[in-house]
Protein backbone atom coordinates (compact mmCIF):
# COMPACT_ATOMS: atom_id res chain seq x y z
CA MET A 1 19.39 11.38 -0.82
CA VAL A 2 16.93 11.24 2.18
CA ARG A 3 16.35 14.22 4.45
CA GLN A 4 13.74 15.55 6.78
CA LEU A 5 11.37 18.15 5.04
CA GLU A 6 11.25 21.65 6.40
CA SER A 7 8.70 24.41 5.85
CA LYS A 8 10.75 25.69 2.85
CA ASP A 9 9.72 22.39 1.14
CA SER A 10 6.09 22.99 1.58
CA ALA A 11 5.21 23.55 -2.12
CA ILE A 12 6.99 20.50 -3.42
CA TYR A 13 5.57 18.43 -0.58
CA TYR A 14 2.11 19.76 -1.31
CA ASN A 15 2.46 18.63 -5.02
CA ILE A 16 3.83 15.17 -4.54
CA ARG A 17 1.14 14.41 -1.84
CA LEU A 18 -1.61 15.66 -4.03
CA GLU A 19 -0.36 13.53 -6.94
CA ALA A 20 -0.13 10.47 -4.79
CA LEU A 21 -3.59 10.98 -3.34
CA GLY A 22 -4.99 11.47 -6.90
CA LEU A 23 -3.23 8.37 -8.39
CA ASN A 24 -3.96 5.87 -5.54
CA PRO A 25 -6.66 7.18 -3.38
CA GLU A 26 -7.38 3.69 -2.07
CA ALA A 27 -3.89 3.79 -0.48
CA PHE A 28 -4.53 6.78 1.94
CA GLY A 29 -6.90 7.66 4.63
CA SER A 30 -7.35 11.18 3.38
CA GLY A 31 -8.27 12.25 -0.17
CA ALA A 32 -7.00 14.54 -2.91
CA GLU A 33 -10.07 16.66 -2.50
CA ASP A 34 -9.22 17.43 1.17
CA TRP A 35 -5.58 17.89 0.58
CA SER A 36 -6.25 20.28 -2.30
CA LYS A 37 -7.88 22.67 0.27
CA ALA A 38 -4.75 22.86 2.39
CA THR A 39 -3.18 26.24 2.31
CA ASP A 40 0.47 26.79 1.99
CA GLU A 41 0.57 28.08 5.59
CA GLN A 42 -1.01 24.88 6.74
CA VAL A 43 1.50 22.72 4.85
CA LYS A 44 4.32 24.88 6.20
CA ASN A 45 3.01 24.45 9.79
CA LEU A 46 2.88 20.70 9.32
CA LEU A 47 6.64 20.63 8.24
CA GLU A 48 7.67 23.28 10.84
CA LYS A 49 6.33 21.13 13.65
CA SER A 50 8.70 18.33 12.64
CA ASN A 51 10.73 16.92 15.53
CA GLN A 52 11.73 13.52 16.95
CA ASP A 53 8.09 12.57 17.41
CA ASP A 54 6.52 13.86 14.33
CA PHE A 55 8.31 14.38 10.89
CA VAL A 56 8.15 13.81 7.27
CA LEU A 57 11.10 12.42 5.22
CA GLY A 58 11.70 13.14 1.54
CA TYR A 59 13.68 11.22 -1.02
CA PHE A 60 15.52 13.62 -3.52
CA GLN A 61 16.82 12.42 -6.84
CA ASP A 62 18.73 15.11 -8.90
CA SER A 63 17.21 17.78 -6.52
CA GLU A 64 13.53 16.57 -7.37
CA LEU A 65 11.35 15.22 -4.46
CA VAL A 66 10.34 11.85 -5.63
CA GLY A 67 9.11 10.11 -2.51
CA VAL A 68 7.87 10.96 1.02
CA ILE A 69 6.90 9.26 4.25
CA GLY A 70 5.85 10.47 7.68
CA LEU A 71 5.87 9.52 11.35
CA LYS A 72 3.37 10.58 13.99
CA ARG A 73 3.95 9.68 17.57
CA GLU A 74 0.76 9.23 19.69
CA LYS A 75 0.45 12.16 22.14
CA LYS A 76 -1.40 10.68 25.11
CA HIS A 77 0.77 9.22 27.78
CA SER A 78 -0.84 5.81 27.76
CA VAL A 79 -0.24 5.34 24.18
CA GLY A 80 2.93 7.47 23.65
CA HIS A 81 5.02 4.39 23.12
CA LYS A 82 3.51 4.04 19.60
CA GLY A 83 4.39 5.64 16.39
CA THR A 84 2.38 5.61 13.21
CA VAL A 85 3.95 5.45 9.83
CA TRP A 86 1.88 7.36 7.21
CA GLY A 87 1.83 8.86 3.79
CA LEU A 88 4.33 6.65 2.03
CA ALA A 89 4.33 7.71 -1.61
CA VAL A 90 6.67 7.45 -4.51
CA LEU A 91 6.13 9.11 -7.87
CA PRO A 92 5.11 6.41 -10.50
CA ARG A 93 8.08 6.92 -12.73
CA TYR A 94 10.56 6.17 -9.72
CA ARG A 95 8.72 3.17 -8.41
CA ASN A 96 10.35 -0.29 -8.25
CA GLN A 97 13.77 1.28 -7.58
CA GLY A 98 13.95 0.76 -3.81
CA ILE A 99 12.99 4.36 -2.93
CA GLY A 100 10.02 3.32 -0.77
CA LYS A 101 12.21 0.81 1.07
CA THR A 102 14.94 3.37 1.54
CA LEU A 103 12.41 5.96 2.92
CA LEU A 104 11.06 3.46 5.35
CA LYS A 105 14.45 2.24 6.56
CA ALA A 106 15.40 5.93 7.16
CA LEU A 107 12.19 6.45 9.06
CA ILE A 108 13.02 3.33 11.18
CA ALA A 109 16.50 4.62 11.92
CA LYS A 110 15.26 8.07 12.93
CA ALA A 111 12.44 6.59 15.01
CA SER A 112 14.79 4.20 16.76
CA GLU A 113 16.63 7.31 18.26
CA ASN A 114 13.53 8.05 20.28
CA GLN A 115 13.89 5.81 23.29
CA GLU A 116 10.15 6.46 24.11
CA LEU A 117 9.06 4.80 21.01
CA LYS A 118 8.69 1.05 21.45
CA TYR A 119 7.05 0.05 18.14
CA LEU A 120 5.91 1.49 14.82
CA ARG A 121 2.53 0.69 13.21
CA ALA A 122 1.11 1.22 9.75
CA VAL A 123 -1.92 0.33 7.69
CA ALA A 124 -1.47 -0.91 4.11
CA THR A 125 -4.36 -1.34 1.61
CA VAL A 126 -4.30 -4.96 0.40
CA SER A 127 -4.61 -4.04 -3.09
CA VAL A 128 -1.43 -1.93 -2.99
CA LEU A 129 0.98 -4.77 -3.19
CA ASN A 130 4.19 -2.77 -3.31
CA ALA A 131 3.31 -1.04 0.10
CA GLN A 132 2.79 -4.44 1.71
CA HIS A 133 6.09 -5.71 0.34
CA ILE A 134 8.03 -2.67 1.51
CA PHE A 135 6.77 -3.00 5.06
CA THR A 136 7.25 -6.72 5.34
CA SER A 137 10.71 -6.53 3.71
CA CYS A 138 11.74 -4.11 6.42
CA GLY A 139 10.63 -6.44 9.29
CA PHE A 140 7.00 -5.36 9.86
CA LYS A 141 4.61 -8.17 10.90
CA VAL A 142 0.92 -8.35 10.08
CA TYR A 143 -1.20 -8.27 13.16
CA GLY A 144 -4.59 -7.74 11.77
CA LEU A 145 -6.82 -7.48 8.72
CA GLU A 146 -9.85 -5.10 8.38
CA PRO A 147 -12.09 -6.31 5.72
CA ARG A 148 -13.59 -3.36 3.64
CA GLY A 149 -11.64 -0.88 5.78
CA ILE A 150 -11.40 2.03 3.28
CA LYS A 151 -13.91 3.25 0.67
CA GLN A 152 -13.07 4.95 -2.52
CA GLY A 153 -16.17 5.80 -4.56
CA GLN A 154 -18.21 2.64 -4.62
CA ASN A 155 -15.13 0.43 -4.08
CA LEU A 156 -14.22 -1.02 -0.72
CA TYR A 157 -10.67 -2.30 0.06
CA ASP A 158 -9.29 -4.51 2.78
CA GLN A 159 -6.60 -3.06 4.97
CA LEU A 160 -3.72 -4.79 6.64
CA PHE A 161 -2.33 -3.62 10.02
CA VAL A 162 1.43 -4.11 10.42
CA MET A 163 3.90 -3.35 13.26
CA LEU A 164 7.61 -3.38 13.91
CA ASN A 165 9.12 -3.58 17.41
CA LEU A 166 11.83 -1.14 17.92
CA ARG A 167 12.79 -2.48 21.41
CA ASP A 168 11.40 -4.62 24.12
């Protein structure tokens, strides 16, 4: 079951995000060390601000949160037609079951309700093949490659930029 996360979900959201950041740091722009410093109040505020423009969805299996994904609409008027997909994560023991794709499809459906959003964009680390596949299987098209776009320790990873038109 997919549903929008609320402030009451702050503890379980904090934990799944921290685990994801620790397991696959190359897949995210922020790190586990930074996230570990977030207070419960900060996480609650993030989820309380959820609306049509900014939200986090969670996938629950047997009442356990096993996957998450977020959307952030740009705030400035000149770029307010863009939405950025961020934070796609599925716990390792639940991967390869279509949960990531289900989350992305639910996010696309919810984002499509917002007539102001013209397209969605995301960044996928090239070495994280599942993420690339999930985005392209949901209709996202690659529009750019940033060589060595993200650094974890001494390792540099290429990043793909992908987008999905919601309307003309």
